[in-house]
Amino acid sequence: MNASKDKYLTASSMPSTLNSVLQHCLVKLNGGLNDAAIRDAGGPLDDISKQVAASLPALLPAAQTKAADAVKFARGTIHTVIDDLNIISIAPVGVLDWAEIGPSGNGIRGSRLGPGGGIRVELASYVNFTVGYAFNINCQPGEGKGAVFFSLGIRDILH
């Protein structure tokens, strides 16, 4: 058992808790009031507290099992959010783009190589955005010096 569970109701603490309530209500409070109705209600309450105290050890394990089952999903979700999930992460990206350009009507053809770099931002470990720039190192007349690239990725959240 965890130390934090000690503050909750247990089979050993139940009789003393009920007896404490009865003691405060019937003896201390009613000692000053001297109310016959409170005094008369004390006998059945004492009997009920003894019945509850006697049945509690048999009921408590089943109740603890049901409580553990009820919070299992929530506990797992909280564990994932706190321990496994990155709210935001930033990383550098390196790229090497290779293209083989075929014959076209304007006579452009050949191979193009484009090294470059960029940055990736990942949110909540499930969505990432990547942006960068790749340089055209074999630039021909009429072509640009490079190109901006970007991507959006979504990780399978049901894995």
N, C-alpha and C. Protein backbone atom coordinates (compact mmCIF):
# COMPACT_ATOMS: atom_id res chain seq x y z
N MET A 1 0.83 -1.20 0.00
CA MET A 1 0.00 0.00 0.00
C MET A 1 0.86 1.25 0.00
N ASN A 2 0.43 2.25 -0.71
CA ASN A 2 1.12 3.53 -0.71
C ASN A 2 0.87 4.26 0.59
N ALA A 3 1.80 5.11 0.97
CA ALA A 3 1.63 5.90 2.18
C ALA A 3 0.43 6.84 2.07
N SER A 4 0.11 7.27 0.83
CA SER A 4 -1.01 8.19 0.65
C SER A 4 -2.35 7.53 0.91
N LYS A 5 -2.41 6.20 0.86
CA LYS A 5 -3.68 5.50 1.11
C LYS A 5 -4.01 5.45 2.60
N ASP A 6 -3.02 5.73 3.47
CA ASP A 6 -3.25 5.66 4.90
C ASP A 6 -4.29 6.66 5.37
N LYS A 7 -4.51 7.73 4.65
CA LYS A 7 -5.45 8.75 5.09
C LYS A 7 -6.90 8.38 4.76
N TYR A 8 -7.11 7.28 4.03
CA TYR A 8 -8.44 6.86 3.66
C TYR A 8 -9.00 5.87 4.67
N LEU A 9 -10.28 5.64 4.56
CA LEU A 9 -10.99 4.75 5.46
C LEU A 9 -10.50 3.33 5.28
N THR A 10 -10.17 2.68 6.38
CA THR A 10 -9.76 1.28 6.35
C THR A 10 -10.62 0.51 7.34
N ALA A 11 -10.54 -0.81 7.28
CA ALA A 11 -11.35 -1.64 8.18
C ALA A 11 -10.97 -1.37 9.64
N SER A 12 -9.70 -1.14 9.89
CA SER A 12 -9.28 -0.92 11.28
C SER A 12 -9.68 0.46 11.80
N SER A 13 -9.81 1.44 10.92
CA SER A 13 -10.15 2.79 11.38
C SER A 13 -11.65 3.01 11.51
N MET A 14 -12.46 2.18 10.85
CA MET A 14 -13.91 2.40 10.83
C MET A 14 -14.55 2.33 12.22
N PRO A 15 -14.31 1.28 13.02
CA PRO A 15 -14.97 1.24 14.33
C PRO A 15 -14.60 2.42 15.20
N SER A 16 -13.34 2.81 15.22
CA SER A 16 -12.95 3.94 16.07
C SER A 16 -13.57 5.24 15.58
N THR A 17 -13.74 5.38 14.25
CA THR A 17 -14.36 6.58 13.71
C THR A 17 -15.83 6.66 14.11
N LEU A 18 -16.55 5.55 13.96
CA LEU A 18 -17.96 5.53 14.35
C LEU A 18 -18.11 5.74 15.85
N ASN A 19 -17.27 5.08 16.63
CA ASN A 19 -17.35 5.25 18.08
C ASN A 19 -17.06 6.68 18.48
N SER A 20 -16.12 7.30 17.77
CA SER A 20 -15.79 8.70 18.07
C SER A 20 -16.98 9.62 17.79
N VAL A 21 -17.65 9.39 16.64
CA VAL A 21 -18.83 10.20 16.32
C VAL A 21 -19.93 9.99 17.36
N LEU A 22 -20.20 8.74 17.69
CA LEU A 22 -21.22 8.47 18.71
C LEU A 22 -20.85 9.10 20.05
N GLN A 23 -19.58 8.99 20.43
CA GLN A 23 -19.11 9.56 21.69
C GLN A 23 -19.33 11.08 21.71
N HIS A 24 -19.00 11.75 20.62
CA HIS A 24 -19.15 13.20 20.58
C HIS A 24 -20.62 13.61 20.58
N CYS A 25 -21.45 12.89 19.83
CA CYS A 25 -22.87 13.26 19.73
C CYS A 25 -23.66 12.90 20.99
N LEU A 26 -23.49 11.66 21.43
CA LEU A 26 -24.34 11.17 22.52
C LEU A 26 -23.86 11.62 23.90
N VAL A 27 -22.56 11.64 24.08
CA VAL A 27 -22.06 11.94 25.41
C VAL A 27 -21.74 13.43 25.57
N LYS A 28 -20.88 13.96 24.70
CA LYS A 28 -20.44 15.34 24.88
C LYS A 28 -21.52 16.35 24.54
N LEU A 29 -22.10 16.21 23.31
CA LEU A 29 -23.10 17.18 22.88
C LEU A 29 -24.38 17.05 23.71
N ASN A 30 -24.86 15.84 23.82
CA ASN A 30 -26.12 15.65 24.55
C ASN A 30 -25.92 15.79 26.06
N GLY A 31 -24.69 15.71 26.53
CA GLY A 31 -24.45 15.95 27.95
C GLY A 31 -24.86 17.36 28.35
N GLY A 32 -24.64 18.30 27.43
CA GLY A 32 -25.04 19.69 27.70
C GLY A 32 -26.50 19.94 27.39
N LEU A 33 -27.00 19.27 26.34
CA LEU A 33 -28.40 19.50 25.93
C LEU A 33 -29.38 18.70 26.78
N ASN A 34 -28.98 17.50 27.16
CA ASN A 34 -29.84 16.57 27.91
C ASN A 34 -31.16 16.34 27.20
N ASP A 35 -31.06 16.02 25.88
CA ASP A 35 -32.24 15.79 25.05
C ASP A 35 -32.57 14.30 25.04
N ALA A 36 -33.80 13.96 25.41
CA ALA A 36 -34.21 12.55 25.48
C ALA A 36 -34.23 11.90 24.10
N ALA A 37 -34.59 12.63 23.06
CA ALA A 37 -34.66 12.06 21.70
C ALA A 37 -33.27 11.65 21.22
N ILE A 38 -32.26 12.48 21.51
CA ILE A 38 -30.89 12.14 21.12
C ILE A 38 -30.42 10.92 21.92
N ARG A 39 -30.72 10.89 23.19
CA ARG A 39 -30.32 9.76 24.05
C ARG A 39 -30.99 8.48 23.57
N ASP A 40 -32.29 8.54 23.21
CA ASP A 40 -33.02 7.35 22.75
C ASP A 40 -32.50 6.86 21.40
N ALA A 41 -32.06 7.78 20.54
CA ALA A 41 -31.52 7.39 19.23
C ALA A 41 -30.14 6.77 19.35
N GLY A 42 -29.46 7.00 20.46
CA GLY A 42 -28.11 6.49 20.64
C GLY A 42 -28.01 4.98 20.66
N GLY A 43 -29.00 4.31 21.25
CA GLY A 43 -28.96 2.84 21.34
C GLY A 43 -28.96 2.18 19.96
N PRO A 44 -29.94 2.49 19.10
CA PRO A 44 -29.92 1.90 17.75
C PRO A 44 -28.69 2.29 16.94
N LEU A 45 -28.21 3.53 17.10
CA LEU A 45 -27.01 3.95 16.38
C LEU A 45 -25.81 3.14 16.82
N ASP A 46 -25.72 2.84 18.09
CA ASP A 46 -24.62 2.04 18.59
C ASP A 46 -24.69 0.62 18.00
N ASP A 47 -25.90 0.06 17.91
CA ASP A 47 -26.07 -1.27 17.31
C ASP A 47 -25.69 -1.26 15.83
N ILE A 48 -26.13 -0.22 15.12
CA ILE A 48 -25.81 -0.10 13.69
C ILE A 48 -24.30 0.03 13.50
N SER A 49 -23.64 0.82 14.32
CA SER A 49 -22.19 0.98 14.18
C SER A 49 -21.46 -0.34 14.41
N LYS A 50 -21.97 -1.17 15.33
CA LYS A 50 -21.35 -2.48 15.57
C LYS A 50 -21.57 -3.40 14.36
N GLN A 51 -22.76 -3.33 13.73
CA GLN A 51 -23.02 -4.14 12.52
C GLN A 51 -22.12 -3.71 11.37
N VAL A 52 -21.97 -2.40 11.20
CA VAL A 52 -21.11 -1.88 10.13
C VAL A 52 -19.66 -2.30 10.37
N ALA A 53 -19.21 -2.17 11.62
CA ALA A 53 -17.84 -2.54 11.95
C ALA A 53 -17.60 -4.03 11.73
N ALA A 54 -18.61 -4.85 11.99
CA ALA A 54 -18.46 -6.29 11.79
C ALA A 54 -18.45 -6.67 10.31
N SER A 55 -19.21 -5.98 9.47
CA SER A 55 -19.30 -6.33 8.05
C SER A 55 -18.23 -5.65 7.19
N LEU A 56 -17.62 -4.61 7.71
CA LEU A 56 -16.66 -3.86 6.92
C LEU A 56 -15.45 -4.67 6.45
N PRO A 57 -14.83 -5.49 7.27
CA PRO A 57 -13.67 -6.24 6.77
C PRO A 57 -13.99 -7.13 5.57
N ALA A 58 -15.21 -7.64 5.49
CA ALA A 58 -15.58 -8.48 4.35
C ALA A 58 -15.86 -7.64 3.11
N LEU A 59 -16.37 -6.42 3.28
CA LEU A 59 -16.73 -5.57 2.14
C LEU A 59 -15.57 -4.76 1.59
N LEU A 60 -14.61 -4.42 2.43
CA LEU A 60 -13.55 -3.51 2.04
C LEU A 60 -12.68 -4.00 0.88
N PRO A 61 -12.25 -5.27 0.84
CA PRO A 61 -11.43 -5.71 -0.31
C PRO A 61 -12.16 -5.57 -1.66
N ALA A 62 -13.44 -5.92 -1.70
CA ALA A 62 -14.20 -5.78 -2.95
C ALA A 62 -14.36 -4.31 -3.33
N ALA A 63 -14.57 -3.46 -2.34
CA ALA A 63 -14.70 -2.02 -2.61
C ALA A 63 -13.38 -1.45 -3.11
N GLN A 64 -12.26 -1.88 -2.53
CA GLN A 64 -10.96 -1.38 -2.98
C GLN A 64 -10.67 -1.85 -4.40
N THR A 65 -11.05 -3.08 -4.75
CA THR A 65 -10.85 -3.59 -6.11
C THR A 65 -11.69 -2.79 -7.11
N LYS A 66 -12.94 -2.54 -6.77
CA LYS A 66 -13.80 -1.75 -7.66
C LYS A 66 -13.27 -0.33 -7.82
N ALA A 67 -12.78 0.26 -6.74
CA ALA A 67 -12.23 1.61 -6.82
C ALA A 67 -10.98 1.63 -7.70
N ALA A 68 -10.11 0.63 -7.55
CA ALA A 68 -8.90 0.57 -8.37
C ALA A 68 -9.26 0.41 -9.85
N ASP A 69 -10.26 -0.43 -10.16
CA ASP A 69 -10.70 -0.60 -11.55
C ASP A 69 -11.30 0.68 -12.11
N ALA A 70 -12.01 1.42 -11.26
CA ALA A 70 -12.68 2.64 -11.72
C ALA A 70 -11.67 3.73 -12.09
N VAL A 71 -10.53 3.79 -11.43
CA VAL A 71 -9.56 4.85 -11.70
C VAL A 71 -8.40 4.39 -12.59
N LYS A 72 -8.42 3.15 -13.04
CA LYS A 72 -7.30 2.62 -13.84
C LYS A 72 -7.07 3.43 -15.11
N PHE A 73 -8.13 3.71 -15.87
CA PHE A 73 -7.99 4.46 -17.12
C PHE A 73 -7.49 5.88 -16.85
N ALA A 74 -8.11 6.54 -15.87
CA ALA A 74 -7.70 7.91 -15.55
C ALA A 74 -6.25 7.95 -15.07
N ARG A 75 -5.85 6.99 -14.27
CA ARG A 75 -4.48 6.94 -13.78
C ARG A 75 -3.49 6.75 -14.92
N GLY A 76 -3.84 5.87 -15.89
CA GLY A 76 -2.98 5.66 -17.05
C GLY A 76 -2.88 6.90 -17.92
N THR A 77 -3.99 7.60 -18.09
CA THR A 77 -4.00 8.83 -18.89
C THR A 77 -3.13 9.90 -18.23
N ILE A 78 -3.28 10.06 -16.95
CA ILE A 78 -2.48 11.06 -16.22
C ILE A 78 -1.00 10.69 -16.30
N HIS A 79 -0.68 9.40 -16.16
CA HIS A 79 0.71 8.96 -16.27
C HIS A 79 1.29 9.32 -17.65
N THR A 80 0.51 9.09 -18.70
CA THR A 80 0.98 9.41 -20.05
C THR A 80 1.22 10.91 -20.21
N VAL A 81 0.29 11.71 -19.75
CA VAL A 81 0.43 13.17 -19.90
C VAL A 81 1.62 13.69 -19.12
N ILE A 82 1.82 13.21 -17.91
CA ILE A 82 2.89 13.74 -17.07
C ILE A 82 4.25 13.16 -17.43
N ASP A 83 4.32 11.84 -17.67
CA ASP A 83 5.61 11.19 -17.84
C ASP A 83 6.05 10.96 -19.28
N ASP A 84 5.12 10.78 -20.21
CA ASP A 84 5.48 10.36 -21.56
C ASP A 84 5.28 11.42 -22.63
N LEU A 85 4.47 12.41 -22.40
CA LEU A 85 4.09 13.35 -23.43
C LEU A 85 4.98 14.59 -23.40
N ASN A 86 5.55 14.94 -24.55
CA ASN A 86 6.28 16.20 -24.68
C ASN A 86 5.29 17.26 -25.12
N ILE A 87 5.17 18.31 -24.39
CA ILE A 87 4.25 19.38 -24.78
C ILE A 87 4.76 20.03 -26.06
N ILE A 88 6.06 20.35 -26.09
CA ILE A 88 6.64 20.92 -27.30
C ILE A 88 8.11 20.50 -27.35
N SER A 89 8.57 20.16 -28.54
CA SER A 89 10.00 19.89 -28.73
C SER A 89 10.43 20.51 -30.05
N ILE A 90 11.67 20.97 -30.06
CA ILE A 90 12.23 21.63 -31.25
C ILE A 90 13.52 20.90 -31.60
N ALA A 91 13.71 20.60 -32.90
CA ALA A 91 14.90 19.86 -33.33
C ALA A 91 15.36 20.37 -34.68
N PRO A 92 16.67 20.32 -34.93
CA PRO A 92 17.18 20.68 -36.26
C PRO A 92 16.90 19.55 -37.25
N VAL A 93 16.82 19.91 -38.53
CA VAL A 93 16.56 18.94 -39.59
C VAL A 93 17.59 19.14 -40.69
N GLY A 94 18.16 18.05 -41.16
CA GLY A 94 19.05 18.10 -42.32
C GLY A 94 18.40 17.36 -43.48
N VAL A 95 18.51 17.88 -44.70
CA VAL A 95 17.90 17.24 -45.86
C VAL A 95 18.91 17.16 -47.00
N LEU A 96 18.69 16.17 -47.84
CA LEU A 96 19.45 16.05 -49.08
C LEU A 96 18.44 15.64 -50.14
N ASP A 97 18.14 16.57 -51.04
CA ASP A 97 17.13 16.35 -52.07
C ASP A 97 17.84 16.03 -53.39
N TRP A 98 17.43 14.96 -54.02
CA TRP A 98 18.00 14.55 -55.29
C TRP A 98 16.86 14.44 -56.29
N ALA A 99 17.04 15.04 -57.47
CA ALA A 99 16.00 14.97 -58.49
C ALA A 99 16.65 14.68 -59.84
N GLU A 100 16.02 13.82 -60.59
CA GLU A 100 16.44 13.53 -61.97
C GLU A 100 15.37 14.13 -62.86
N ILE A 101 15.75 15.14 -63.63
CA ILE A 101 14.79 15.87 -64.46
C ILE A 101 14.88 15.34 -65.88
N GLY A 102 13.74 14.92 -66.40
CA GLY A 102 13.71 14.34 -67.75
C GLY A 102 13.57 15.39 -68.82
N PRO A 103 13.56 14.95 -70.03
CA PRO A 103 13.43 15.92 -71.13
C PRO A 103 12.07 16.64 -71.06
N SER A 104 12.15 17.93 -71.29
CA SER A 104 10.92 18.72 -71.31
C SER A 104 10.97 19.62 -72.54
N GLY A 105 9.89 20.30 -72.79
CA GLY A 105 9.78 21.16 -73.97
C GLY A 105 10.75 22.33 -73.94
N ASN A 106 11.17 22.77 -72.74
CA ASN A 106 12.06 23.92 -72.68
C ASN A 106 13.54 23.51 -72.55
N GLY A 107 13.84 22.23 -72.67
CA GLY A 107 15.22 21.76 -72.70
C GLY A 107 15.87 21.57 -71.34
N ILE A 108 15.16 21.66 -70.25
CA ILE A 108 15.74 21.44 -68.92
C ILE A 108 15.82 19.94 -68.67
N ARG A 109 16.98 19.47 -68.29
CA ARG A 109 17.17 18.06 -67.98
C ARG A 109 18.41 17.91 -67.11
N GLY A 110 18.62 16.71 -66.59
CA GLY A 110 19.80 16.43 -65.78
C GLY A 110 19.45 16.17 -64.33
N SER A 111 20.48 16.06 -63.53
CA SER A 111 20.33 15.79 -62.10
C SER A 111 20.47 17.08 -61.31
N ARG A 112 19.74 17.15 -60.21
CA ARG A 112 19.85 18.29 -59.31
C ARG A 112 20.03 17.74 -57.89
N LEU A 113 20.93 18.35 -57.16
CA LEU A 113 21.19 17.96 -55.78
C LEU A 113 20.95 19.19 -54.92
N GLY A 114 20.19 19.00 -53.83
CA GLY A 114 19.84 20.13 -52.97
C GLY A 114 20.02 19.82 -51.50
N PRO A 115 21.21 20.08 -50.93
CA PRO A 115 21.35 19.94 -49.48
C PRO A 115 20.72 21.15 -48.78
N GLY A 116 20.31 20.93 -47.56
CA GLY A 116 19.72 22.05 -46.83
C GLY A 116 19.44 21.69 -45.39
N GLY A 117 18.78 22.59 -44.73
CA GLY A 117 18.46 22.39 -43.32
C GLY A 117 17.18 23.10 -42.95
N GLY A 118 16.73 22.79 -41.77
CA GLY A 118 15.49 23.41 -41.30
C GLY A 118 15.28 23.13 -39.83
N ILE A 119 14.05 23.27 -39.43
CA ILE A 119 13.69 23.07 -38.03
C ILE A 119 12.37 22.31 -37.95
N ARG A 120 12.26 21.44 -36.96
CA ARG A 120 11.01 20.69 -36.73
C ARG A 120 10.49 21.05 -35.34
N VAL A 121 9.22 21.38 -35.28
CA VAL A 121 8.54 21.66 -34.02
C VAL A 121 7.48 20.59 -33.84
N GLU A 122 7.56 19.88 -32.70
CA GLU A 122 6.60 18.81 -32.42
C GLU A 122 5.74 19.22 -31.24
N LEU A 123 4.44 19.06 -31.39
CA LEU A 123 3.49 19.43 -30.34
C LEU A 123 2.83 18.18 -29.77
N ALA A 124 2.87 18.07 -28.48
CA ALA A 124 2.20 16.99 -27.75
C ALA A 124 2.60 15.60 -28.26
N SER A 125 3.79 15.46 -28.78
CA SER A 125 4.32 14.19 -29.27
C SER A 125 3.48 13.55 -30.38
N TYR A 126 2.55 14.27 -30.97
CA TYR A 126 1.70 13.68 -31.99
C TYR A 126 1.67 14.46 -33.30
N VAL A 127 1.90 15.75 -33.28
CA VAL A 127 1.84 16.56 -34.49
C VAL A 127 3.19 17.26 -34.66
N ASN A 128 3.76 17.19 -35.88
CA ASN A 128 5.01 17.91 -36.09
C ASN A 128 4.93 18.75 -37.35
N PHE A 129 5.58 19.90 -37.27
CA PHE A 129 5.69 20.83 -38.37
C PHE A 129 7.17 20.97 -38.70
N THR A 130 7.53 20.81 -39.98
CA THR A 130 8.91 20.95 -40.40
C THR A 130 8.97 21.99 -41.50
N VAL A 131 9.95 22.89 -41.41
CA VAL A 131 10.16 23.91 -42.43
C VAL A 131 11.66 24.07 -42.61
N GLY A 132 12.07 24.32 -43.85
CA GLY A 132 13.49 24.49 -44.11
C GLY A 132 13.75 25.02 -45.50
N TYR A 133 15.03 25.01 -45.87
CA TYR A 133 15.44 25.51 -47.18
C TYR A 133 16.49 24.56 -47.74
N ALA A 134 16.32 24.16 -49.02
CA ALA A 134 17.29 23.30 -49.71
C ALA A 134 17.91 24.12 -50.85
N PHE A 135 19.23 24.11 -50.92
CA PHE A 135 19.96 24.87 -51.94
C PHE A 135 20.12 24.04 -53.21
N ASN A 136 20.04 24.68 -54.35
CA ASN A 136 20.27 24.02 -55.65
C ASN A 136 21.74 24.23 -55.99
N ILE A 137 22.56 23.19 -55.76
CA ILE A 137 24.01 23.39 -55.96
C ILE A 137 24.44 23.20 -57.42
N ASN A 138 23.56 22.68 -58.26
CA ASN A 138 23.85 22.53 -59.69
C ASN A 138 22.86 23.41 -60.47
N CYS A 139 22.84 24.67 -60.13
CA CYS A 139 21.85 25.60 -60.66
C CYS A 139 22.12 25.90 -62.15
N GLN A 140 21.08 25.75 -62.95
CA GLN A 140 21.15 26.04 -64.38
C GLN A 140 20.47 27.39 -64.64
N PRO A 141 20.73 27.98 -65.79
CA PRO A 141 20.08 29.26 -66.11
C PRO A 141 18.55 29.13 -66.06
N GLY A 142 17.93 30.08 -65.44
CA GLY A 142 16.47 30.08 -65.32
C GLY A 142 15.94 29.34 -64.10
N GLU A 143 16.82 28.71 -63.33
CA GLU A 143 16.37 28.00 -62.13
C GLU A 143 16.68 28.85 -60.89
N GLY A 144 15.92 28.59 -59.85
CA GLY A 144 16.13 29.31 -58.61
C GLY A 144 17.35 28.78 -57.86
N LYS A 145 17.80 29.52 -56.88
CA LYS A 145 18.96 29.13 -56.06
C LYS A 145 18.62 28.03 -55.06
N GLY A 146 17.36 27.79 -54.85
CA GLY A 146 16.93 26.77 -53.89
C GLY A 146 15.42 26.83 -53.73
N ALA A 147 14.95 26.14 -52.70
CA ALA A 147 13.50 26.10 -52.48
C ALA A 147 13.20 25.91 -51.00
N VAL A 148 12.12 26.51 -50.58
CA VAL A 148 11.61 26.31 -49.22
C VAL A 148 10.80 25.02 -49.23
N PHE A 149 10.92 24.23 -48.18
CA PHE A 149 10.09 23.04 -48.05
C PHE A 149 9.41 23.06 -46.68
N PHE A 150 8.29 22.38 -46.61
CA PHE A 150 7.59 22.25 -45.34
C PHE A 150 6.82 20.94 -45.34
N SER A 151 6.54 20.46 -44.16
CA SER A 151 5.73 19.24 -44.03
C SER A 151 4.96 19.30 -42.72
N LEU A 152 3.88 18.57 -42.70
CA LEU A 152 3.04 18.41 -41.53
C LEU A 152 2.90 16.91 -41.30
N GLY A 153 3.24 16.45 -40.13
CA GLY A 153 3.14 15.03 -39.82
C GLY A 153 2.27 14.80 -38.62
N ILE A 154 1.49 13.71 -38.68
CA ILE A 154 0.63 13.34 -37.56
C ILE A 154 0.94 11.89 -37.20
N ARG A 155 1.31 11.66 -35.98
CA ARG A 155 1.62 10.31 -35.52
C ARG A 155 0.33 9.56 -35.22
N ASP A 156 0.34 8.28 -35.42
CA ASP A 156 -0.84 7.45 -35.15
C ASP A 156 -1.13 7.50 -33.64
N ILE A 157 -2.22 8.16 -33.26
CA ILE A 157 -2.52 8.33 -31.85
C ILE A 157 -3.18 7.08 -31.24
N LEU A 158 -3.48 6.09 -32.04
CA LEU A 158 -4.12 4.88 -31.55
C LEU A 158 -3.14 3.73 -31.38
N HIS A 159 -1.84 4.02 -31.42
CA HIS A 159 -0.85 2.95 -31.29
C HIS A 159 -0.76 2.41 -29.89
